[in-house]
C-alpha atoms as a PDB file:
ATOM      1  CA  MET A   1    -171.724 184.124  13.806  1.00  0.00           C
ATOM      2  CA  LYS A   2    -170.887 186.173  10.602  1.00  0.00           C
ATOM      3  CA  ASN A   3    -167.246 186.139  11.243  1.00  0.00           C
ATOM      4  CA  ARG A   4    -167.289 182.722  11.717  1.00  0.00           C
ATOM      5  CA  THR A   5    -169.060 181.795   8.554  1.00  0.00           C
ATOM      6  CA  ASN A   6    -167.047 183.868   6.494  1.00  0.00           C
ATOM      7  CA  ASP A   7    -163.646 182.311   8.306  1.00  0.00           C
ATOM      8  CA  LEU A   8    -165.261 178.844   7.432  1.00  0.00           C
ATOM      9  CA  THR A   9    -165.837 179.985   3.938  1.00  0.00           C
ATOM     10  CA  GLN A  10    -162.095 181.288   3.496  1.00  0.00           C
ATOM     11  CA  ARG A  11    -160.744 178.052   4.890  1.00  0.00           C
ATOM     12  CA  ASN A  12    -162.872 175.964   2.149  1.00  0.00           C
ATOM     13  CA  ALA A  13    -161.824 178.350  -0.570  1.00  0.00           C
ATOM     14  CA  ALA A  14    -158.299 177.819   0.277  1.00  0.00           C
ATOM     15  CA  LEU A  15    -158.382 174.235   0.610  1.00  0.00           C
ATOM     16  CA  VAL A  16    -160.263 173.989  -2.907  1.00  0.00           C
ATOM     17  CA  ALA A  17    -157.520 176.382  -4.020  1.00  0.00           C
ATOM     18  CA  GLY A  18    -154.887 174.107  -2.911  1.00  0.00           C
ATOM     19  CA  ILE A  19    -156.207 171.030  -4.086  1.00  0.00           C
ATOM     20  CA  GLY A  20    -156.884 172.477  -7.590  1.00  0.00           C
ATOM     21  CA  TYR A  21    -153.640 173.969  -7.730  1.00  0.00           C
ATOM     22  CA  LEU A  22    -151.720 170.397  -6.649  1.00  0.00           C
ATOM     23  CA  ILE A  23    -153.823 168.922  -9.442  1.00  0.00           C
ATOM     24  CA  ILE A  24    -152.791 171.324 -11.984  1.00  0.00           C
ATOM     25  CA  PHE A  25    -149.314 170.991 -11.116  1.00  0.00           C
ATOM     26  CA  ILE A  26    -149.096 167.018 -11.587  1.00  0.00           C
ATOM     27  CA  LEU A  27    -151.031 167.154 -14.996  1.00  0.00           C
ATOM     28  CA  ALA A  28    -149.666 170.001 -16.606  1.00  0.00           C
ATOM     29  CA  ILE A  29    -145.967 168.521 -15.883  1.00  0.00           C
ATOM     30  CA  PHE A  30    -146.929 165.429 -17.204  1.00  0.00           C
ATOM     31  CA  SER A  31    -148.972 166.817 -20.116  1.00  0.00           C
ATOM     32  CA  ASN A  32    -145.830 168.991 -20.983  1.00  0.00           C
ATOM     33  CA  PHE A  33    -142.908 167.110 -20.251  1.00  0.00           C
ATOM     34  CA  PHE A  34    -143.876 163.680 -20.374  1.00  0.00           C
ATOM     35  CA  VAL A  35    -145.954 164.007 -23.302  1.00  0.00           C
ATOM     36  CA  LEU A  36    -145.671 166.926 -25.461  1.00  0.00           C
ATOM     37  CA  ASN A  37    -141.804 167.537 -24.930  1.00  0.00           C
ATOM     38  CA  ASN A  38    -140.999 163.789 -25.816  1.00  0.00           C
ATOM     39  CA  LEU A  39    -143.524 163.673 -28.967  1.00  0.00           C
ATOM     40  CA  ILE A  40    -142.956 167.081 -30.512  1.00  0.00           C
ATOM     41  CA  ILE A  41    -139.671 167.830 -32.510  1.00  0.00           C
ATOM     42  CA  SER A  42    -139.953 171.216 -33.939  1.00  0.00           C
ATOM     43  CA  GLU A  43    -137.447 170.756 -36.704  1.00  0.00           C
ATOM     44  CA  ASP A  44    -138.692 167.343 -37.847  1.00  0.00           C
ATOM     45  CA  ALA A  45    -142.299 167.227 -38.868  1.00  0.00           C
ATOM     46  CA  ALA A  46    -141.801 163.438 -40.116  1.00  0.00           C
ATOM     47  CA  ALA A  47    -140.581 162.285 -36.653  1.00  0.00           C
ATOM     48  CA  THR A  48    -143.190 164.269 -34.860  1.00  0.00           C
ATOM     49  CA  VAL A  49    -145.831 162.765 -36.662  1.00  0.00           C
ATOM     50  CA  ASN A  50    -144.686 159.232 -36.485  1.00  0.00           C
ATOM     51  CA  GLY A  51    -144.003 159.708 -32.668  1.00  0.00           C
ATOM     52  CA  ILE A  52    -147.653 161.212 -32.014  1.00  0.00           C
ATOM     53  CA  LEU A  53    -148.903 157.952 -34.314  1.00  0.00           C
ATOM     54  CA  ALA A  54    -147.053 155.634 -32.106  1.00  0.00           C
ATOM     55  CA  SER A  55    -148.481 157.147 -28.933  1.00  0.00           C
ATOM     56  CA  GLU A  56    -151.500 158.337 -30.170  1.00  0.00           C
ATOM     57  CA  GLY A  57    -153.092 156.864 -26.528  1.00  0.00           C
ATOM     58  CA  ILE A  58    -150.569 158.848 -24.363  1.00  0.00           C
ATOM     59  CA  PHE A  59    -151.148 162.007 -26.802  1.00  0.00           C
ATOM     60  CA  ARG A  60    -155.163 161.931 -25.998  1.00  0.00           C
ATOM     61  CA  ILE A  61    -154.392 161.682 -22.575  1.00  0.00           C
ATOM     62  CA  GLY A  62    -152.329 164.577 -22.741  1.00  0.00           C
ATOM     63  CA  ILE A  63    -155.163 166.522 -24.031  1.00  0.00           C
ATOM     64  CA  ILE A  64    -157.634 165.703 -21.556  1.00  0.00           C
ATOM     65  CA  SER A  65    -155.222 166.420 -18.728  1.00  0.00           C
ATOM     66  CA  PHE A  66    -154.629 169.787 -20.379  1.00  0.00           C
ATOM     67  CA  VAL A  67    -158.434 170.256 -20.654  1.00  0.00           C
ATOM     68  CA  ILE A  68    -158.652 169.113 -16.999  1.00  0.00           C
ATOM     69  CA  VAL A  69    -156.062 171.832 -16.180  1.00  0.00           C
ATOM     70  CA  ALA A  70    -158.102 174.431 -17.785  1.00  0.00           C
ATOM     71  CA  ILE A  71    -161.202 173.613 -15.833  1.00  0.00           C
ATOM     72  CA  LEU A  72    -159.484 173.598 -12.429  1.00  0.00           C
ATOM     73  CA  ASP A  73    -157.847 177.225 -13.372  1.00  0.00           C
ATOM     74  CA  VAL A  74    -161.495 178.282 -13.267  1.00  0.00           C
ATOM     75  CA  VAL A  75    -162.194 177.045  -9.986  1.00  0.00           C
ATOM     76  CA  VAL A  76    -158.677 178.096  -8.614  1.00  0.00           C
ATOM     77  CA  ALA A  77    -159.602 181.437  -9.786  1.00  0.00           C
ATOM     78  CA  MET A  78    -162.822 181.615  -7.846  1.00  0.00           C
ATOM     79  CA  ALA A  79    -161.367 180.041  -4.748  1.00  0.00           C
ATOM     80  CA  LEU A  80    -158.835 182.833  -4.630  1.00  0.00           C
ATOM     81  CA  TYR A  81    -161.173 185.427  -5.224  1.00  0.00           C
ATOM     82  CA  ILE A  82    -162.758 184.446  -2.065  1.00  0.00           C
ATOM     83  CA  LEU A  83    -159.911 183.830  -0.213  1.00  0.00           C
ATOM     84  CA  PHE A  84    -158.663 187.640  -0.915  1.00  0.00           C
ATOM     85  CA  LYS A  85    -161.908 189.229  -1.287  1.00  0.00           C
ATOM     86  CA  PRO A  86    -161.588 190.505   2.655  1.00  0.00           C
ATOM     87  CA  ILE A  87    -157.984 192.107   1.682  1.00  0.00           C
ATOM     88  CA  TYR A  88    -158.920 194.002  -1.630  1.00  0.00           C
ATOM     89  CA  ARG A  89    -162.049 192.950  -3.393  1.00  0.00           C
ATOM     90  CA  SER A  90    -161.615 194.889  -6.530  1.00  0.00           C
ATOM     91  CA  LEU A  91    -158.028 193.739  -7.034  1.00  0.00           C
ATOM     92  CA  SER A  92    -159.065 190.132  -6.118  1.00  0.00           C
ATOM     93  CA  LEU A  93    -161.799 189.889  -8.406  1.00  0.00           C
ATOM     94  CA  LEU A  94    -159.165 191.527 -11.181  1.00  0.00           C
ATOM     95  CA  ALA A  95    -156.737 188.636 -10.620  1.00  0.00           C
ATOM     96  CA  ALA A  96    -159.573 186.046 -10.992  1.00  0.00           C
ATOM     97  CA  TRP A  97    -160.450 187.738 -14.471  1.00  0.00           C
ATOM     98  CA  PHE A  98    -157.090 187.390 -15.721  1.00  0.00           C
ATOM     99  CA  ARG A  99    -156.778 183.780 -14.641  1.00  0.00           C
ATOM    100  CA  LEU A 100    -160.182 183.030 -16.224  1.00  0.00           C
ATOM    101  CA  MET A 101    -158.889 184.681 -19.406  1.00  0.00           C
ATOM    102  CA  HIS A 102    -155.804 182.510 -19.180  1.00  0.00           C
ATOM    103  CA  ALA A 103    -158.159 179.559 -18.691  1.00  0.00           C
ATOM    104  CA  ILE A 104    -160.188 180.418 -21.788  1.00  0.00           C
ATOM    105  CA  ILE A 105    -156.942 181.383 -24.011  1.00  0.00           C
ATOM    106  CA  PHE A 106    -155.347 177.978 -23.113  1.00  0.00           C
ATOM    107  CA  GLY A 107    -158.825 176.007 -23.680  1.00  0.00           C
ATOM    108  CA  VAL A 108    -158.631 177.768 -27.386  1.00  0.00           C
ATOM    109  CA  ALA A 109    -155.332 176.503 -27.683  1.00  0.00           C
ATOM    110  CA  ILE A 110    -155.858 173.101 -26.737  1.00  0.00           C
ATOM    111  CA  ALA A 111    -158.357 172.944 -29.598  1.00  0.00           C
ATOM    112  CA  ASN A 112    -155.417 172.762 -31.994  1.00  0.00           C
ATOM    113  CA  LEU A 113    -153.980 169.629 -30.423  1.00  0.00           C
ATOM    114  CA  ILE A 114    -157.776 167.926 -30.800  1.00  0.00           C
ATOM    115  CA  LEU A 115    -157.355 169.196 -34.584  1.00  0.00           C
ATOM    116  CA  VAL A 116    -154.051 167.371 -34.652  1.00  0.00           C
ATOM    117  CA  VAL A 117    -155.950 164.149 -33.787  1.00  0.00           C
ATOM    118  CA  ASN A 118    -158.487 164.398 -36.167  1.00  0.00           C
ATOM    119  CA  ILE A 119    -156.145 164.924 -38.893  1.00  0.00           C
ATOM    120  CA  LEU A 120    -154.263 161.724 -38.223  1.00  0.00           C
ATOM    121  CA  ASN A 121    -157.070 160.029 -38.061  1.00  0.00           C
ATOM    122  CA  GLY A 122    -158.645 161.118 -41.112  1.00  0.00           C
ATOM    123  CA  ASP A 123    -156.845 158.783 -43.496  1.00  0.00           C
ATOM    124  CA  PRO A 124    -157.410 154.909 -42.950  1.00  0.00           C
ATOM    125  CA  ASN A 125    -154.168 154.393 -44.934  1.00  0.00           C
ATOM    126  CA  LEU A 126    -152.213 156.715 -42.743  1.00  0.00           C
ATOM    127  CA  THR A 127    -150.293 153.960 -41.001  1.00  0.00           C
ATOM    128  CA  THR A 128    -148.386 153.377 -44.125  1.00  0.00           C
ATOM    129  CA  SER A 129    -148.420 156.814 -45.645  1.00  0.00           C
ATOM    130  CA  VAL A 130    -147.967 160.059 -44.251  1.00  0.00           C
ATOM    131  CA  THR A 131    -148.042 162.903 -46.715  1.00  0.00           C
ATOM    132  CA  ASN A 132    -145.837 166.166 -46.613  1.00  0.00           C
ATOM    133  CA  GLU A 133    -148.986 168.331 -46.939  1.00  0.00           C
ATOM    134  CA  MET A 134    -150.419 166.345 -43.764  1.00  0.00           C
ATOM    135  CA  GLN A 135    -147.261 166.715 -41.647  1.00  0.00           C
ATOM    136  CA  ILE A 136    -147.279 170.579 -42.404  1.00  0.00           C
ATOM    137  CA  ARG A 137    -150.612 170.669 -41.095  1.00  0.00           C
ATOM    138  CA  VAL A 138    -149.889 169.163 -38.180  1.00  0.00           C
ATOM    139  CA  MET A 139    -147.082 171.289 -37.108  1.00  0.00           C
ATOM    140  CA  ILE A 140    -148.980 174.245 -37.801  1.00  0.00           C
ATOM    141  CA  PHE A 141    -151.601 173.393 -35.512  1.00  0.00           C
ATOM    142  CA  LEU A 142    -149.064 172.261 -32.970  1.00  0.00           C
ATOM    143  CA  ASP A 143    -147.245 175.818 -33.533  1.00  0.00           C
ATOM    144  CA  SER A 144    -150.677 177.538 -32.877  1.00  0.00           C
ATOM    145  CA  PHE A 145    -151.006 175.582 -29.591  1.00  0.00           C
ATOM    146  CA  ASN A 146    -147.705 176.998 -28.390  1.00  0.00           C
ATOM    147  CA  ILE A 147    -148.551 180.456 -29.388  1.00  0.00           C
ATOM    148  CA  GLY A 148    -152.019 180.372 -27.676  1.00  0.00           C
ATOM    149  CA  TRP A 149    -149.806 178.800 -24.541  1.00  0.00           C
ATOM    150  CA  LEU A 150    -147.704 181.469 -24.547  1.00  0.00           C
ATOM    151  CA  ILE A 151    -150.104 184.257 -24.970  1.00  0.00           C
ATOM    152  CA  GLY A 152    -152.294 182.674 -21.968  1.00  0.00           C
ATOM    153  CA  LEU A 153    -149.209 182.694 -19.714  1.00  0.00           C
ATOM    154  CA  VAL A 154    -148.696 186.475 -20.125  1.00  0.00           C
ATOM    155  CA  PHE A 155    -152.528 186.572 -18.423  1.00  0.00           C
ATOM    156  CA  PHE A 156    -151.421 184.068 -16.069  1.00  0.00           C
ATOM    157  CA  GLY A 157    -148.180 186.355 -15.553  1.00  0.00           C
ATOM    158  CA  ILE A 158    -150.214 189.093 -14.491  1.00  0.00           C
ATOM    159  CA  HIS A 159    -152.713 187.160 -12.400  1.00  0.00           C
ATOM    160  CA  LEU A 160    -149.800 186.007 -10.380  1.00  0.00           C
ATOM    161  CA  SER A 161    -148.132 189.503 -10.160  1.00  0.00           C
ATOM    162  CA  ILE A 162    -151.669 190.925  -8.608  1.00  0.00           C
ATOM    163  CA  LEU A 163    -151.903 187.781  -6.361  1.00  0.00           C
ATOM    164  CA  GLY A 164    -148.551 188.338  -4.986  1.00  0.00           C
ATOM    165  CA  TYR A 165    -149.254 191.967  -4.326  1.00  0.00           C
ATOM    166  CA  LEU A 166    -152.526 190.765  -2.443  1.00  0.00           C
ATOM    167  CA  ILE A 167    -150.370 188.331  -0.431  1.00  0.00           C
ATOM    168  CA  ILE A 168    -147.898 190.903   0.611  1.00  0.00           C
ATOM    169  CA  LYS A 169    -150.794 193.172   1.582  1.00  0.00           C
ATOM    170  CA  SER A 170    -152.464 190.305   3.726  1.00  0.00           C
ATOM    171  CA  ASP A 171    -151.862 189.523   7.218  1.00  0.00           C
ATOM    172  CA  PHE A 172    -152.253 186.112   7.550  1.00  0.00           C
ATOM    173  CA  ILE A 173    -150.065 184.729   4.710  1.00  0.00           C
ATOM    174  CA  PRO A 174    -146.256 184.791   5.099  1.00  0.00           C
ATOM    175  CA  LYS A 175    -145.180 187.795   2.487  1.00  0.00           C
ATOM    176  CA  ILE A 176    -142.085 185.805   1.282  1.00  0.00           C
ATOM    177  CA  LEU A 177    -145.000 183.959  -0.782  1.00  0.00           C
ATOM    178  CA  GLY A 178    -146.084 187.036  -2.337  1.00  0.00           C
ATOM    179  CA  TYR A 179    -142.588 187.972  -3.451  1.00  0.00           C
ATOM    180  CA  LEU A 180    -142.241 184.415  -4.927  1.00  0.00           C
ATOM    181  CA  LEU A 181    -145.196 184.643  -6.938  1.00  0.00           C
ATOM    182  CA  ILE A 182    -144.304 188.186  -8.318  1.00  0.00           C
ATOM    183  CA  ALA A 183    -140.856 186.852  -9.102  1.00  0.00           C
ATOM    184  CA  ALA A 184    -142.742 183.620 -11.152  1.00  0.00           C
ATOM    185  CA  ALA A 185    -145.068 186.254 -12.782  1.00  0.00           C
ATOM    186  CA  LEU A 186    -141.861 187.965 -13.964  1.00  0.00           C
ATOM    187  CA  GLY A 187    -140.419 184.450 -15.373  1.00  0.00           C
ATOM    188  CA  TYR A 188    -143.653 184.095 -17.206  1.00  0.00           C
ATOM    189  CA  LEU A 189    -143.819 187.447 -18.802  1.00  0.00           C
ATOM    190  CA  VAL A 190    -139.992 187.575 -19.780  1.00  0.00           C
ATOM    191  CA  ASP A 191    -140.293 183.927 -21.582  1.00  0.00           C
ATOM    192  CA  SER A 192    -143.440 184.635 -23.174  1.00  0.00           C
ATOM    193  CA  PHE A 193    -142.260 188.122 -24.791  1.00  0.00           C
ATOM    194  CA  ALA A 194    -138.834 186.956 -25.406  1.00  0.00           C
ATOM    195  CA  HIS A 195    -140.554 184.043 -27.545  1.00  0.00           C
ATOM    196  CA  PHE A 196    -142.254 186.868 -29.453  1.00  0.00           C
ATOM    197  CA  LEU A 197    -139.294 189.181 -29.722  1.00  0.00           C
ATOM    198  CA  LEU A 198    -136.224 187.111 -30.359  1.00  0.00           C
ATOM    199  CA  ALA A 199    -135.742 185.564 -33.573  1.00  0.00           C
ATOM    200  CA  ASP A 200    -132.952 183.588 -32.212  1.00  0.00           C
ATOM    201  CA  TYR A 201    -134.872 182.450 -28.962  1.00  0.00           C
ATOM    202  CA  SER A 202    -133.773 178.393 -29.429  1.00  0.00           C
ATOM    203  CA  ASN A 203    -130.182 179.688 -28.794  1.00  0.00           C
ATOM    204  CA  TYR A 204    -131.329 181.052 -25.505  1.00  0.00           C
ATOM    205  CA  LYS A 205    -133.714 178.328 -24.489  1.00  0.00           C
ATOM    206  CA  ALA A 206    -132.034 176.591 -21.710  1.00  0.00           C
ATOM    207  CA  ILE A 207    -131.750 179.686 -19.775  1.00  0.00           C
ATOM    208  CA  PHE A 208    -135.324 181.019 -20.438  1.00  0.00           C
ATOM    209  CA  LEU A 209    -136.626 177.841 -19.084  1.00  0.00           C
ATOM    210  CA  ILE A 210    -134.549 178.492 -16.053  1.00  0.00           C
ATOM    211  CA  ILE A 211    -136.158 181.708 -15.497  1.00  0.00           C
ATOM    212  CA  VAL A 212    -139.710 180.237 -15.962  1.00  0.00           C
ATOM    213  CA  ALA A 213    -139.305 176.922 -14.120  1.00  0.00           C
ATOM    214  CA  LEU A 214    -137.053 177.779 -10.979  1.00  0.00           C
ATOM    215  CA  PRO A 215    -139.304 180.739  -9.649  1.00  0.00           C
ATOM    216  CA  GLY A 216    -142.530 179.222 -11.190  1.00  0.00           C
ATOM    217  CA  ILE A 217    -142.097 175.654  -9.139  1.00  0.00           C
ATOM    218  CA  VAL A 218    -140.714 177.449  -5.941  1.00  0.00           C
ATOM    219  CA  GLY A 219    -143.427 180.261  -5.813  1.00  0.00           C
ATOM    220  CA  GLU A 220    -146.264 178.522  -6.947  1.00  0.00           C
ATOM    221  CA  MET A 221    -145.524 174.985  -5.111  1.00  0.00           C
ATOM    222  CA  SER A 222    -145.117 177.008  -1.950  1.00  0.00           C
ATOM    223  CA  PHE A 223    -147.941 178.766  -2.073  1.00  0.00           C
ATOM    224  CA  CYS A 224    -149.986 175.448  -3.059  1.00  0.00           C
ATOM    225  CA  LEU A 225    -148.427 174.035  -0.046  1.00  0.00           C
ATOM    226  CA  TRP A 226    -149.462 176.653   2.293  1.00  0.00           C
ATOM    227  CA  LEU A 227    -153.140 176.588   0.755  1.00  0.00           C
ATOM    228  CA  LEU A 228    -153.232 172.964   1.684  1.00  0.00           C
ATOM    229  CA  PHE A 229    -151.586 172.878   5.238  1.00  0.00           C
ATOM    230  CA  LYS A 230    -152.214 176.705   6.534  1.00  0.00           C
ATOM    231  CA  GLY A 231    -154.869 178.052   4.658  1.00  0.00           C
ATOM    232  CA  THR A 232    -157.359 175.529   6.158  1.00  0.00           C
ATOM    233  CA  LYS A 233    -156.284 177.032   9.761  1.00  0.00           C
ATOM    234  CA  ILE A 234    -156.745 180.861   8.728  1.00  0.00           C
ATOM    235  CA  SER A 235    -157.955 182.988  11.714  1.00  0.00           C
ATOM    236  CA  GLU A 236    -161.019 185.625  11.473  1.00  0.00           C
ATOM    237  CA  ILE A 237    -159.617 188.250   9.205  1.00  0.00           C
ATOM    238  CA  ASN A 238    -161.306 191.673   9.937  1.00  0.00           C
ATOM    239  CA  LEU A 239    -159.724 193.474   7.153  1.00  0.00           C
ATOM    240  CA  GLU A 240    -162.177 195.389   4.844  1.00  0.00           C
ATOM    241  CA  ASN A 241    -161.893 196.882   1.581  1.00  0.00           C
END
């Protein structure tokens, strides 16, 4: 009875993690690529401010989507801990903590986007006049969000590397998924550190985007699909730490 109960708990954890991961994918892609990337022009503060003012509703939806992502990261962290606990309890807990730290740092970063909205709504005459000082403040908060995002991704990359190791050590998940997640982790880490170390990062932005996006999308989406379609069929696991 105990084994069946544990088995059911792991199946439920896999389902929760899979659903959470899928929603995170959808919301993160929407907020990052369809909201921020379309509104923020790093070299042009005036165009950025005007774009946000013209699409403030979309910008707010993007913020809400990011908040949901941060919340779901906590849920997914706990679900993955339950799923991998029978394999290696301490490493599973460590992976969960790194994802939780990512969620916390990301949540703090999101606060900068909320401050942008507050700044742009603080002046009733803002629709006709935007001061240079206000533009500078907006760009500072947007840069702070990006820095927080990158720091958070360092923690997320470490989480993925540990998760990949746990998958490789498991006997119920294809090991290829573990290697793909480790590749994705390296992509996040390389890109994040490159932002901080390379003064001319913008010259290589397209290359680093491929380094992050390709293994990240393939690895994480493959794992997400496994959780949704195979994770709910996990047989009894007799591995003990």
